[in-house]
Amino acid sequence: MIGAGFGRSGTTSLRKALQILGFAPWFNGDFANRASSMAAYQAHLDEVRRTVPPERLLEYDVKEGWAPLCHFLDRPLPVDHPFPNLNDRTFFRRVMLALRIVEWLVPAMVIAALTWVAAYMLR
């Protein structure tokens, strides 16, 4: 259903995917509009801050590493486990490139296989 066009400049498929997954209302129904999406995100953050007691709320940036998280959870800092950072920009770009390649390669391989089968059957 997501298919070709997902995440490209024409966001029709992205919009459909968000609607199917039920995310559209979270973005005021207009995910592609950055200002509208940011306003909806900020409204969500404000709602969380208003409803969650301060002693139960951690506003955390992963760039801060283990320390604030462990302090909030009252746990010791992990000595043997470095903070994971697999979701950085370079990793994400590589994943997106791989998905784009697969998006075009798999259908091309299917067409090639069907063409080969048809040619073999018509001999």
PDB file of N, CA and C in Angstrom:
ATOM      1  N   MET A   1       0.818  -1.188   0.000  1.00  0.00           N
ATOM      2  CA  MET A   1       0.000   0.000   0.000  1.00  0.00           C
ATOM      3  C   MET A   1       0.866   1.258   0.000  1.00  0.00           C
ATOM      4  N   ILE A   2       1.991   1.218   0.720  1.00  0.00           N
ATOM      5  CA  ILE A   2       2.847   2.399   0.777  1.00  0.00           C
ATOM      6  C   ILE A   2       3.504   2.599  -0.587  1.00  0.00           C
ATOM      7  N   GLY A   3       4.206   1.588  -1.070  1.00  0.00           N
ATOM      8  CA  GLY A   3       4.682   1.544  -2.441  1.00  0.00           C
ATOM      9  C   GLY A   3       5.557   2.699  -2.886  1.00  0.00           C
ATOM     10  N   ALA A   4       5.662   2.840  -4.200  1.00  0.00           N
ATOM     11  CA  ALA A   4       6.503   3.866  -4.804  1.00  0.00           C
ATOM     12  C   ALA A   4       6.003   5.242  -4.432  1.00  0.00           C
ATOM     13  N   GLY A   5       6.910   6.133  -4.220  1.00  0.00           N
ATOM     14  CA  GLY A   5       6.544   7.503  -3.887  1.00  0.00           C
ATOM     15  C   GLY A   5       6.603   7.773  -2.400  1.00  0.00           C
ATOM     16  N   PHE A   6       6.752   6.751  -1.587  1.00  0.00           N
ATOM     17  CA  PHE A   6       6.786   6.943  -0.145  1.00  0.00           C
ATOM     18  C   PHE A   6       7.979   7.810   0.240  1.00  0.00           C
ATOM     19  N   GLY A   7       7.690   8.923   0.893  1.00  0.00           N
ATOM     20  CA  GLY A   7       8.746   9.774   1.403  1.00  0.00           C
ATOM     21  C   GLY A   7       9.412  10.659   0.372  1.00  0.00           C
ATOM     22  N   ARG A   8       8.994  10.622  -0.864  1.00  0.00           N
ATOM     23  CA  ARG A   8       9.577  11.503  -1.866  1.00  0.00           C
ATOM     24  C   ARG A   8       8.881  12.844  -1.820  1.00  0.00           C
ATOM     25  N   SER A   9       9.245  13.733  -2.730  1.00  0.00           N
ATOM     26  CA  SER A   9       8.686  15.087  -2.698  1.00  0.00           C
ATOM     27  C   SER A   9       7.167  15.078  -2.799  1.00  0.00           C
ATOM     28  N   GLY A  10       6.587  14.183  -3.576  1.00  0.00           N
ATOM     29  CA  GLY A  10       5.138  14.026  -3.582  1.00  0.00           C
ATOM     30  C   GLY A  10       4.759  13.117  -2.437  1.00  0.00           C
ATOM     31  N   THR A  11       4.135  13.653  -1.411  1.00  0.00           N
ATOM     32  CA  THR A  11       3.913  12.886  -0.186  1.00  0.00           C
ATOM     33  C   THR A  11       2.560  12.199  -0.150  1.00  0.00           C
ATOM     34  N   THR A  12       1.965  11.979  -1.313  1.00  0.00           N
ATOM     35  CA  THR A  12       0.655  11.330  -1.347  1.00  0.00           C
ATOM     36  C   THR A  12       0.706   9.981  -0.661  1.00  0.00           C
ATOM     37  N   SER A  13       1.691   9.162  -0.989  1.00  0.00           N
ATOM     38  CA  SER A  13       1.783   7.832  -0.397  1.00  0.00           C
ATOM     39  C   SER A  13       2.065   7.910   1.091  1.00  0.00           C
ATOM     40  N   LEU A  14       2.904   8.840   1.507  1.00  0.00           N
ATOM     41  CA  LEU A  14       3.191   9.010   2.927  1.00  0.00           C
ATOM     42  C   LEU A  14       1.932   9.406   3.671  1.00  0.00           C
ATOM     43  N   ARG A  15       1.169  10.317   3.095  1.00  0.00           N
ATOM     44  CA  ARG A  15      -0.080  10.751   3.718  1.00  0.00           C
ATOM     45  C   ARG A  15      -1.041   9.573   3.850  1.00  0.00           C
ATOM     46  N   LYS A  16      -1.148   8.756   2.809  1.00  0.00           N
ATOM     47  CA  LYS A  16      -2.026   7.585   2.855  1.00  0.00           C
ATOM     48  C   LYS A  16      -1.554   6.597   3.922  1.00  0.00           C
ATOM     49  N   ALA A  17      -0.253   6.384   3.991  1.00  0.00           N
ATOM     50  CA  ALA A  17       0.285   5.455   4.983  1.00  0.00           C
ATOM     51  C   ALA A  17      -0.041   5.930   6.389  1.00  0.00           C
ATOM     52  N   LEU A  18       0.123   7.221   6.649  1.00  0.00           N
ATOM     53  CA  LEU A  18      -0.187   7.752   7.975  1.00  0.00           C
ATOM     54  C   LEU A  18      -1.665   7.625   8.299  1.00  0.00           C
ATOM     55  N   GLN A  19      -2.510   7.820   7.303  1.00  0.00           N
ATOM     56  CA  GLN A  19      -3.946   7.665   7.534  1.00  0.00           C
ATOM     57  C   GLN A  19      -4.284   6.213   7.831  1.00  0.00           C
ATOM     58  N   ILE A  20      -3.708   5.301   7.076  1.00  0.00           N
ATOM     59  CA  ILE A  20      -3.972   3.877   7.278  1.00  0.00           C
ATOM     60  C   ILE A  20      -3.507   3.448   8.664  1.00  0.00           C
ATOM     61  N   LEU A  21      -2.350   3.931   9.067  1.00  0.00           N
ATOM     62  CA  LEU A  21      -1.797   3.557  10.367  1.00  0.00           C
ATOM     63  C   LEU A  21      -2.443   4.318  11.523  1.00  0.00           C
ATOM     64  N   GLY A  22      -3.284   5.287  11.210  1.00  0.00           N
ATOM     65  CA  GLY A  22      -3.998   6.018  12.246  1.00  0.00           C
ATOM     66  C   GLY A  22      -3.234   7.186  12.846  1.00  0.00           C
ATOM     67  N   PHE A  23      -2.168   7.632  12.188  1.00  0.00           N
ATOM     68  CA  PHE A  23      -1.368   8.729  12.720  1.00  0.00           C
ATOM     69  C   PHE A  23      -1.838  10.105  12.271  1.00  0.00           C
ATOM     70  N   ALA A  24      -2.646  10.173  11.242  1.00  0.00           N
ATOM     71  CA  ALA A  24      -3.036  11.454  10.663  1.00  0.00           C
ATOM     72  C   ALA A  24      -3.612  12.431  11.694  1.00  0.00           C
ATOM     73  N   PRO A  25      -4.502  11.992  12.599  1.00  0.00           N
ATOM     74  CA  PRO A  25      -5.050  12.957  13.568  1.00  0.00           C
ATOM     75  C   PRO A  25      -3.979  13.581  14.463  1.00  0.00           C
ATOM     76  N   TRP A  26      -2.876  12.882  14.682  1.00  0.00           N
ATOM     77  CA  TRP A  26      -1.819  13.422  15.534  1.00  0.00           C
ATOM     78  C   TRP A  26      -1.141  14.630  14.899  1.00  0.00           C
ATOM     79  N   PHE A  27      -1.250  14.747  13.603  1.00  0.00           N
ATOM     80  CA  PHE A  27      -0.601  15.845  12.894  1.00  0.00           C
ATOM     81  C   PHE A  27      -1.629  16.800  12.305  1.00  0.00           C
ATOM     82  N   ASN A  28      -2.736  16.949  12.983  1.00  0.00           N
ATOM     83  CA  ASN A  28      -3.824  17.820  12.524  1.00  0.00           C
ATOM     84  C   ASN A  28      -4.265  17.470  11.113  1.00  0.00           C
ATOM     85  N   GLY A  29      -4.089  16.205  10.726  1.00  0.00           N
ATOM     86  CA  GLY A  29      -4.509  15.743   9.420  1.00  0.00           C
ATOM     87  C   GLY A  29      -3.630  16.205   8.270  1.00  0.00           C
ATOM     88  N   ASP A  30      -2.517  16.865   8.575  1.00  0.00           N
ATOM     89  CA  ASP A  30      -1.681  17.413   7.504  1.00  0.00           C
ATOM     90  C   ASP A  30      -0.207  17.219   7.836  1.00  0.00           C
ATOM     91  N   PHE A  31       0.249  15.983   7.741  1.00  0.00           N
ATOM     92  CA  PHE A  31       1.623  15.650   8.071  1.00  0.00           C
ATOM     93  C   PHE A  31       2.626  16.381   7.191  1.00  0.00           C
ATOM     94  N   ALA A  32       2.275  16.601   5.932  1.00  0.00           N
ATOM     95  CA  ALA A  32       3.214  17.211   4.988  1.00  0.00           C
ATOM     96  C   ALA A  32       3.459  18.688   5.276  1.00  0.00           C
ATOM     97  N   ASN A  33       2.560  19.326   6.032  1.00  0.00           N
ATOM     98  CA  ASN A  33       2.718  20.739   6.373  1.00  0.00           C
ATOM     99  C   ASN A  33       3.570  20.831   7.637  1.00  0.00           C
ATOM    100  N   ARG A  34       4.808  21.271   7.481  1.00  0.00           N
ATOM    101  CA  ARG A  34       5.754  21.291   8.600  1.00  0.00           C
ATOM    102  C   ARG A  34       5.234  22.129   9.768  1.00  0.00           C
ATOM    103  N   ALA A  35       4.708  23.312   9.489  1.00  0.00           N
ATOM    104  CA  ALA A  35       4.226  24.188  10.566  1.00  0.00           C
ATOM    105  C   ALA A  35       3.087  23.524  11.335  1.00  0.00           C
ATOM    106  N   SER A  36       2.174  22.900  10.608  1.00  0.00           N
ATOM    107  CA  SER A  36       1.047  22.220  11.256  1.00  0.00           C
ATOM    108  C   SER A  36       1.536  21.031  12.085  1.00  0.00           C
ATOM    109  N   SER A  37       2.463  20.269  11.535  1.00  0.00           N
ATOM    110  CA  SER A  37       3.003  19.110  12.248  1.00  0.00           C
ATOM    111  C   SER A  37       3.756  19.534  13.502  1.00  0.00           C
ATOM    112  N   MET A  38       4.566  20.582  13.388  1.00  0.00           N
ATOM    113  CA  MET A  38       5.318  21.057  14.552  1.00  0.00           C
ATOM    114  C   MET A  38       4.379  21.593  15.631  1.00  0.00           C
ATOM    115  N   ALA A  39       3.309  22.275  15.218  1.00  0.00           N
ATOM    116  CA  ALA A  39       2.326  22.779  16.188  1.00  0.00           C
ATOM    117  C   ALA A  39       1.646  21.615  16.904  1.00  0.00           C
ATOM    118  N   ALA A  40       1.297  20.574  16.162  1.00  0.00           N
ATOM    119  CA  ALA A  40       0.667  19.398  16.768  1.00  0.00           C
ATOM    120  C   ALA A  40       1.632  18.706  17.720  1.00  0.00           C
ATOM    121  N   TYR A  41       2.897  18.604  17.330  1.00  0.00           N
ATOM    122  CA  TYR A  41       3.916  17.985  18.189  1.00  0.00           C
ATOM    123  C   TYR A  41       4.103  18.798  19.468  1.00  0.00           C
ATOM    124  N   GLN A  42       4.185  20.111  19.330  1.00  0.00           N
ATOM    125  CA  GLN A  42       4.350  20.969  20.502  1.00  0.00           C
ATOM    126  C   GLN A  42       3.133  20.878  21.430  1.00  0.00           C
ATOM    127  N   ALA A  43       1.937  20.809  20.849  1.00  0.00           N
ATOM    128  CA  ALA A  43       0.721  20.663  21.649  1.00  0.00           C
ATOM    129  C   ALA A  43       0.746  19.345  22.419  1.00  0.00           C
ATOM    130  N   HIS A  44       1.254  18.300  21.781  1.00  0.00           N
ATOM    131  CA  HIS A  44       1.376  17.006  22.461  1.00  0.00           C
ATOM    132  C   HIS A  44       2.355  17.103  23.635  1.00  0.00           C
ATOM    133  N   LEU A  45       3.512  17.732  23.400  1.00  0.00           N
ATOM    134  CA  LEU A  45       4.487  17.897  24.480  1.00  0.00           C
ATOM    135  C   LEU A  45       3.891  18.696  25.639  1.00  0.00           C
ATOM    136  N   ASP A  46       3.172  19.759  25.325  1.00  0.00           N
ATOM    137  CA  ASP A  46       2.536  20.572  26.364  1.00  0.00           C
ATOM    138  C   ASP A  46       1.536  19.753  27.164  1.00  0.00           C
ATOM    139  N   GLU A  47       0.768  18.914  26.473  1.00  0.00           N
ATOM    140  CA  GLU A  47      -0.216  18.053  27.149  1.00  0.00           C
ATOM    141  C   GLU A  47       0.477  17.075  28.093  1.00  0.00           C
ATOM    142  N   VAL A  48       1.576  16.484  27.645  1.00  0.00           N
ATOM    143  CA  VAL A  48       2.331  15.553  28.491  1.00  0.00           C
ATOM    144  C   VAL A  48       2.865  16.289  29.712  1.00  0.00           C
ATOM    145  N   ARG A  49       3.462  17.457  29.511  1.00  0.00           N
ATOM    146  CA  ARG A  49       4.002  18.232  30.639  1.00  0.00           C
ATOM    147  C   ARG A  49       2.910  18.635  31.627  1.00  0.00           C
ATOM    148  N   ARG A  50       1.719  18.900  31.110  1.00  0.00           N
ATOM    149  CA  ARG A  50       0.608  19.329  31.955  1.00  0.00           C
ATOM    150  C   ARG A  50       0.025  18.164  32.764  1.00  0.00           C
ATOM    151  N   THR A  51       0.061  16.959  32.210  1.00  0.00           N
ATOM    152  CA  THR A  51      -0.627  15.838  32.855  1.00  0.00           C
ATOM    153  C   THR A  51       0.271  14.888  33.637  1.00  0.00           C
ATOM    154  N   VAL A  52       1.553  14.829  33.314  1.00  0.00           N
ATOM    155  CA  VAL A  52       2.455  13.906  34.002  1.00  0.00           C
ATOM    156  C   VAL A  52       3.125  14.636  35.163  1.00  0.00           C
ATOM    157  N   PRO A  53       3.077  14.070  36.359  1.00  0.00           N
ATOM    158  CA  PRO A  53       3.730  14.709  37.501  1.00  0.00           C
ATOM    159  C   PRO A  53       5.229  14.881  37.244  1.00  0.00           C
ATOM    160  N   PRO A  54       5.805  16.010  37.646  1.00  0.00           N
ATOM    161  CA  PRO A  54       7.225  16.288  37.358  1.00  0.00           C
ATOM    162  C   PRO A  54       8.179  15.195  37.833  1.00  0.00           C
ATOM    163  N   GLU A  55       7.881  14.570  38.966  1.00  0.00           N
ATOM    164  CA  GLU A  55       8.785  13.525  39.474  1.00  0.00           C
ATOM    165  C   GLU A  55       8.708  12.241  38.637  1.00  0.00           C
ATOM    166  N   ARG A  56       7.731  12.147  37.751  1.00  0.00           N
ATOM    167  CA  ARG A  56       7.580  10.970  36.886  1.00  0.00           C
ATOM    168  C   ARG A  56       7.902  11.276  35.422  1.00  0.00           C
ATOM    169  N   LEU A  57       8.344  12.492  35.149  1.00  0.00           N
ATOM    170  CA  LEU A  57       8.598  12.925  33.779  1.00  0.00           C
ATOM    171  C   LEU A  57      10.085  13.186  33.571  1.00  0.00           C
ATOM    172  N   LEU A  58      10.632  12.563  32.578  1.00  0.00           N
ATOM    173  CA  LEU A  58      12.019  12.808  32.194  1.00  0.00           C
ATOM    174  C   LEU A  58      12.015  13.378  30.785  1.00  0.00           C
ATOM    175  N   GLU A  59      12.461  14.609  30.646  1.00  0.00           N
ATOM    176  CA  GLU A  59      12.668  15.189  29.318  1.00  0.00           C
ATOM    177  C   GLU A  59      14.131  14.941  28.999  1.00  0.00           C
ATOM    178  N   TYR A  60      14.343  14.113  28.013  1.00  0.00           N
ATOM    179  CA  TYR A  60      15.646  13.512  27.797  1.00  0.00           C
ATOM    180  C   TYR A  60      16.060  13.635  26.336  1.00  0.00           C
ATOM    181  N   ASP A  61      17.306  13.968  26.120  1.00  0.00           N
ATOM    182  CA  ASP A  61      17.894  13.990  24.781  1.00  0.00           C
ATOM    183  C   ASP A  61      18.941  12.882  24.755  1.00  0.00           C
ATOM    184  N   VAL A  62      18.859  11.981  23.789  1.00  0.00           N
ATOM    185  CA  VAL A  62      19.781  10.849  23.754  1.00  0.00           C
ATOM    186  C   VAL A  62      21.242  11.294  23.664  1.00  0.00           C
ATOM    187  N   LYS A  63      21.483  12.510  23.230  1.00  0.00           N
ATOM    188  CA  LYS A  63      22.855  13.021  23.179  1.00  0.00           C
ATOM    189  C   LYS A  63      23.472  13.104  24.575  1.00  0.00           C
ATOM    190  N   GLU A  64      22.630  13.099  25.614  1.00  0.00           N
ATOM    191  CA  GLU A  64      23.108  13.194  26.995  1.00  0.00           C
ATOM    192  C   GLU A  64      23.675  11.872  27.518  1.00  0.00           C
ATOM    193  N   GLY A  65      23.423  10.768  26.812  1.00  0.00           N
ATOM    194  CA  GLY A  65      23.976   9.480  27.217  1.00  0.00           C
ATOM    195  C   GLY A  65      23.236   8.846  28.391  1.00  0.00           C
ATOM    196  N   TRP A  66      23.961   7.968  29.097  1.00  0.00           N
ATOM    197  CA  TRP A  66      23.362   7.185  30.177  1.00  0.00           C
ATOM    198  C   TRP A  66      23.022   7.983  31.429  1.00  0.00           C
ATOM    199  N   ALA A  67      23.824   8.973  31.764  1.00  0.00           N
ATOM    200  CA  ALA A  67      23.751   9.601  33.092  1.00  0.00           C
ATOM    201  C   ALA A  67      22.357  10.093  33.492  1.00  0.00           C
ATOM    202  N   PRO A  68      21.689  10.958  32.722  1.00  0.00           N
ATOM    203  CA  PRO A  68      20.379  11.428  33.170  1.00  0.00           C
ATOM    204  C   PRO A  68      19.338  10.311  33.247  1.00  0.00           C
ATOM    205  N   LEU A  69      19.432   9.377  32.322  1.00  0.00           N
ATOM    206  CA  LEU A  69      18.483   8.263  32.307  1.00  0.00           C
ATOM    207  C   LEU A  69      18.665   7.382  33.546  1.00  0.00           C
ATOM    208  N   CYS A  70      19.893   7.030  33.824  1.00  0.00           N
ATOM    209  CA  CYS A  70      20.169   6.191  34.998  1.00  0.00           C
ATOM    210  C   CYS A  70      19.811   6.921  36.292  1.00  0.00           C
ATOM    211  N   HIS A  71      20.102   8.206  36.355  1.00  0.00           N
ATOM    212  CA  HIS A  71      19.750   8.990  37.544  1.00  0.00           C
ATOM    213  C   HIS A  71      18.234   8.995  37.742  1.00  0.00           C
ATOM    214  N   PHE A  72      17.484   9.223  36.682  1.00  0.00           N
ATOM    215  CA  PHE A  72      16.030   9.265  36.754  1.00  0.00           C
ATOM    216  C   PHE A  72      15.461   7.924  37.208  1.00  0.00           C
ATOM    217  N   LEU A  73      16.040   6.833  36.708  1.00  0.00           N
ATOM    218  CA  LEU A  73      15.561   5.489  37.049  1.00  0.00           C
ATOM    219  C   LEU A  73      16.189   4.941  38.323  1.00  0.00           C
ATOM    220  N   ASP A  74      17.077   5.734  38.919  1.00  0.00           N
ATOM    221  CA  ASP A  74      17.774   5.334  40.139  1.00  0.00           C
ATOM    222  C   ASP A  74      18.515   4.011  39.936  1.00  0.00           C
ATOM    223  N   ARG A  75      19.262   3.954  38.853  1.00  0.00           N
ATOM    224  CA  ARG A  75      20.050   2.780  38.505  1.00  0.00           C
ATOM    225  C   ARG A  75      21.502   3.200  38.333  1.00  0.00           C
ATOM    226  N   PRO A  76      22.436   2.270  38.550  1.00  0.00           N
ATOM    227  CA  PRO A  76      23.851   2.611  38.345  1.00  0.00           C
ATOM    228  C   PRO A  76      24.170   2.785  36.857  1.00  0.00           C
ATOM    229  N   LEU A  77      25.188   3.580  36.588  1.00  0.00           N
ATOM    230  CA  LEU A  77      25.645   3.741  35.203  1.00  0.00           C
ATOM    231  C   LEU A  77      26.238   2.430  34.713  1.00  0.00           C
ATOM    232  N   PRO A  78      25.880   1.971  33.527  1.00  0.00           N
ATOM    233  CA  PRO A  78      26.469   0.735  33.005  1.00  0.00           C
ATOM    234  C   PRO A  78      27.934   0.966  32.632  1.00  0.00           C
ATOM    235  N   VAL A  79      28.786   0.172  33.205  1.00  0.00           N
ATOM    236  CA  VAL A  79      30.219   0.314  32.961  1.00  0.00           C
ATOM    237  C   VAL A  79      30.626  -0.452  31.708  1.00  0.00           C
ATOM    238  N   ASP A  80      30.039  -1.622  31.516  1.00  0.00           N
ATOM    239  CA  ASP A  80      30.441  -2.500  30.420  1.00  0.00           C
ATOM    240  C   ASP A  80      29.653  -2.280  29.134  1.00  0.00           C
ATOM    241  N   HIS A  81      28.699  -1.338  29.138  1.00  0.00           N
ATOM    242  CA  HIS A  81      27.845  -1.143  27.966  1.00  0.00           C
ATOM    243  C   HIS A  81      27.885   0.316  27.516  1.00  0.00           C
ATOM    244  N   PRO A  82      28.573   0.587  26.405  1.00  0.00           N
ATOM    245  CA  PRO A  82      28.557   1.966  25.904  1.00  0.00           C
ATOM    246  C   PRO A  82      27.151   2.334  25.447  1.00  0.00           C
ATOM    247  N   PHE A  83      26.849   3.614  25.478  1.00  0.00           N
ATOM    248  CA  PHE A  83      25.527   4.072  25.068  1.00  0.00           C
ATOM    249  C   PHE A  83      25.349   3.798  23.579  1.00  0.00           C
ATOM    250  N   PRO A  84      24.268   3.137  23.173  1.00  0.00           N
ATOM    251  CA  PRO A  84      24.080   2.816  21.749  1.00  0.00           C
ATOM    252  C   PRO A  84      23.825   4.070  20.925  1.00  0.00           C
ATOM    253  N   ASN A  85      24.388   4.093  19.734  1.00  0.00           N
ATOM    254  CA  ASN A  85      24.168   5.235  18.845  1.00  0.00           C
ATOM    255  C   ASN A  85      23.994   4.765  17.400  1.00  0.00           C
ATOM    256  N   LEU A  86      23.190   3.711  17.217  1.00  0.00           N
ATOM    257  CA  LEU A  86      22.967   3.176  15.877  1.00  0.00           C
ATOM    258  C   LEU A  86      22.020   4.032  15.057  1.00  0.00           C
ATOM    259  N   ASN A  87      21.240   4.864  15.691  1.00  0.00           N
ATOM    260  CA  ASN A  87      20.219   5.618  14.975  1.00  0.00           C
ATOM    261  C   ASN A  87      20.722   7.024  14.615  1.00  0.00           C
ATOM    262  N   ASP A  88      21.961   7.105  14.196  1.00  0.00           N
ATOM    263  CA  ASP A  88      22.489   8.404  13.803  1.00  0.00           C
ATOM    264  C   ASP A  88      22.121   8.698  12.350  1.00  0.00           C
ATOM    265  N   ARG A  89      22.399   9.882  11.901  1.00  0.00           N
ATOM    266  CA  ARG A  89      22.007  10.326  10.565  1.00  0.00           C
ATOM    267  C   ARG A  89      22.619   9.464   9.464  1.00  0.00           C
ATOM    268  N   THR A  90      23.892   9.105   9.594  1.00  0.00           N
ATOM    269  CA  THR A  90      24.559   8.293   8.576  1.00  0.00           C
ATOM    270  C   THR A  90      23.900   6.927   8.467  1.00  0.00           C
ATOM    271  N   PHE A  91      23.631   6.296   9.614  1.00  0.00           N
ATOM    272  CA  PHE A  91      22.984   4.993   9.622  1.00  0.00           C
ATOM    273  C   PHE A  91      21.604   5.085   8.970  1.00  0.00           C
ATOM    274  N   PHE A  92      20.837   6.118   9.329  1.00  0.00           N
ATOM    275  CA  PHE A  92      19.496   6.286   8.788  1.00  0.00           C
ATOM    276  C   PHE A  92      19.540   6.481   7.274  1.00  0.00           C
ATOM    277  N   ARG A  93      20.483   7.274   6.790  1.00  0.00           N
ATOM    278  CA  ARG A  93      20.610   7.489   5.342  1.00  0.00           C
ATOM    279  C   ARG A  93      20.953   6.193   4.617  1.00  0.00           C
ATOM    280  N   ARG A  94      21.804   5.372   5.225  1.00  0.00           N
ATOM    281  CA  ARG A  94      22.156   4.090   4.612  1.00  0.00           C
ATOM    282  C   ARG A  94      20.937   3.171   4.550  1.00  0.00           C
ATOM    283  N   VAL A  95      20.159   3.143   5.615  1.00  0.00           N
ATOM    284  CA  VAL A  95      18.955   2.319   5.634  1.00  0.00           C
ATOM    285  C   VAL A  95      17.979   2.797   4.561  1.00  0.00           C
ATOM    286  N   MET A  96      17.790   4.106   4.449  1.00  0.00           N
ATOM    287  CA  MET A  96      16.872   4.644   3.450  1.00  0.00           C
ATOM    288  C   MET A  96      17.357   4.340   2.031  1.00  0.00           C
ATOM    289  N   LEU A  97      18.650   4.421   1.798  1.00  0.00           N
ATOM    290  CA  LEU A  97      19.204   4.075   0.487  1.00  0.00           C
ATOM    291  C   LEU A  97      18.946   2.604   0.178  1.00  0.00           C
ATOM    292  N   ALA A  98      19.183   1.741   1.149  1.00  0.00           N
ATOM    293  CA  ALA A  98      18.931   0.311   0.947  1.00  0.00           C
ATOM    294  C   ALA A  98      17.460   0.057   0.638  1.00  0.00           C
ATOM    295  N   LEU A  99      16.563   0.740   1.334  1.00  0.00           N
ATOM    296  CA  LEU A  99      15.129   0.568   1.072  1.00  0.00           C
ATOM    297  C   LEU A  99      14.760   1.041  -0.332  1.00  0.00           C
ATOM    298  N   ARG A 100      15.351   2.141  -0.765  1.00  0.00           N
ATOM    299  CA  ARG A 100      15.077   2.628  -2.125  1.00  0.00           C
ATOM    300  C   ARG A 100      15.577   1.644  -3.175  1.00  0.00           C
ATOM    301  N   ILE A 101      16.757   1.071  -2.937  1.00  0.00           N
ATOM    302  CA  ILE A 101      17.301   0.078  -3.868  1.00  0.00           C
ATOM    303  C   ILE A 101      16.382  -1.135  -3.929  1.00  0.00           C
ATOM    304  N   VAL A 102      15.970  -1.622  -2.758  1.00  0.00           N
ATOM    305  CA  VAL A 102      15.084  -2.787  -2.709  1.00  0.00           C
ATOM    306  C   VAL A 102      13.747  -2.474  -3.375  1.00  0.00           C
ATOM    307  N   GLU A 103      13.254  -1.245  -3.175  1.00  0.00           N
ATOM    308  CA  GLU A 103      11.972  -0.842  -3.749  1.00  0.00           C
ATOM    309  C   GLU A 103      11.962  -1.009  -5.269  1.00  0.00           C
ATOM    310  N   TRP A 104      13.099  -0.779  -5.903  1.00  0.00           N
ATOM    311  CA  TRP A 104      13.176  -0.904  -7.361  1.00  0.00           C
ATOM    312  C   TRP A 104      13.766  -2.241  -7.794  1.00  0.00           C
ATOM    313  N   LEU A 105      14.644  -2.805  -7.010  1.00  0.00           N
ATOM    314  CA  LEU A 105      15.324  -4.037  -7.404  1.00  0.00           C
ATOM    315  C   LEU A 105      14.393  -5.243  -7.362  1.00  0.00           C
ATOM    316  N   VAL A 106      13.589  -5.376  -6.319  1.00  0.00           N
ATOM    317  CA  VAL A 106      12.714  -6.544  -6.197  1.00  0.00           C
ATOM    318  C   VAL A 106      11.720  -6.618  -7.354  1.00  0.00           C
ATOM    319  N   PRO A 107      10.990  -5.544  -7.665  1.00  0.00           N
ATOM    320  CA  PRO A 107      10.093  -5.642  -8.828  1.00  0.00           C
ATOM    321  C   PRO A 107      10.840  -5.939 -10.132  1.00  0.00           C
ATOM    322  N   ALA A 108      12.026  -5.360 -10.305  1.00  0.00           N
ATOM    323  CA  ALA A 108      12.807  -5.615 -11.519  1.00  0.00           C
ATOM    324  C   ALA A 108      13.200  -7.091 -11.596  1.00  0.00           C
ATOM    325  N   MET A 109      13.561  -7.681 -10.464  1.00  0.00           N
ATOM    326  CA  MET A 109      13.929  -9.099 -10.439  1.00  0.00           C
ATOM    327  C   MET A 109      12.718  -9.978 -10.740  1.00  0.00           C
ATOM    328  N   VAL A 110      11.558  -9.603 -10.217  1.00  0.00           N
ATOM    329  CA  VAL A 110      10.345 -10.370 -10.495  1.00  0.00           C
ATOM    330  C   VAL A 110      10.015 -10.316 -11.983  1.00  0.00           C
ATOM    331  N   ILE A 111      10.102  -9.129 -12.563  1.00  0.00           N
ATOM    332  CA  ILE A 111       9.830  -8.982 -13.998  1.00  0.00           C
ATOM    333  C   ILE A 111      10.828  -9.787 -14.814  1.00  0.00           C
ATOM    334  N   ALA A 112      12.098  -9.738 -14.430  1.00  0.00           N
ATOM    335  CA  ALA A 112      13.125 -10.503 -15.148  1.00  0.00           C
ATOM    336  C   ALA A 112      12.849 -12.000 -15.041  1.00  0.00           C
ATOM    337  N   ALA A 113      12.474 -12.456 -13.857  1.00  0.00           N
ATOM    338  CA  ALA A 113      12.194 -13.881 -13.671  1.00  0.00           C
ATOM    339  C   ALA A 113      10.979 -14.304 -14.487  1.00  0.00           C
ATOM    340  N   LEU A 114       9.940 -13.490 -14.490  1.00  0.00           N
ATOM    341  CA  LEU A 114       8.742 -13.809 -15.277  1.00  0.00           C
ATOM    342  C   LEU A 114       9.046 -13.814 -16.767  1.00  0.00           C
ATOM    343  N   THR A 115       9.881 -12.882 -17.207  1.00  0.00           N
ATOM    344  CA  THR A 115      10.281 -12.826 -18.612  1.00  0.00           C
ATOM    345  C   THR A 115      11.056 -14.079 -18.985  1.00  0.00           C
ATOM    346  N   TRP A 116      11.968 -14.499 -18.109  1.00  0.00           N
ATOM    347  CA  TRP A 116      12.750 -15.701 -18.362  1.00  0.00           C
ATOM    348  C   TRP A 116      11.847 -16.926 -18.424  1.00  0.00           C
ATOM    349  N   VAL A 117      10.907 -17.031 -17.485  1.00  0.00           N
ATOM    350  CA  VAL A 117       9.966 -18.159 -17.480  1.00  0.00           C
ATOM    351  C   VAL A 117       9.129 -18.168 -18.742  1.00  0.00           C
ATOM    352  N   ALA A 118       8.609 -16.992 -19.133  1.00  0.00           N
ATOM    353  CA  ALA A 118       7.802 -16.904 -20.352  1.00  0.00           C
ATOM    354  C   ALA A 118       8.621 -17.296 -21.575  1.00  0.00           C
ATOM    355  N   ALA A 119       9.855 -16.824 -21.671  1.00  0.00           N
ATOM    356  CA  ALA A 119      10.717 -17.175 -22.807  1.00  0.00           C
ATOM    357  C   ALA A 119      11.011 -18.668 -22.821  1.00  0.00           C
ATOM    358  N   TYR A 120      11.234 -19.259 -21.658  1.00  0.00           N
ATOM    359  CA  TYR A 120      11.512 -20.696 -21.557  1.00  0.00           C
ATOM    360  C   TYR A 120      10.297 -21.513 -21.976  1.00  0.00           C
ATOM    361  N   MET A 121       9.103 -21.055 -21.568  1.00  0.00           N
ATOM    362  CA  MET A 121       7.872 -21.790 -21.870  1.00  0.00           C
ATOM    363  C   MET A 121       7.519 -21.691 -23.363  1.00  0.00           C
ATOM    364  N   LEU A 122       7.903 -20.598 -24.019  1.00  0.00           N
ATOM    365  CA  LEU A 122       7.545 -20.376 -25.414  1.00  0.00           C
ATOM    366  C   LEU A 122       8.530 -21.005 -26.387  1.00  0.00           C
ATOM    367  N   ARG A 123       9.567 -21.632 -25.939  1.00  0.00           N
ATOM    368  CA  ARG A 123      10.555 -22.244 -26.827  1.00  0.00           C
ATOM    369  C   ARG A 123       9.960 -23.332 -27.630  1.00  0.00           C
TER     370      ARG A 123
END
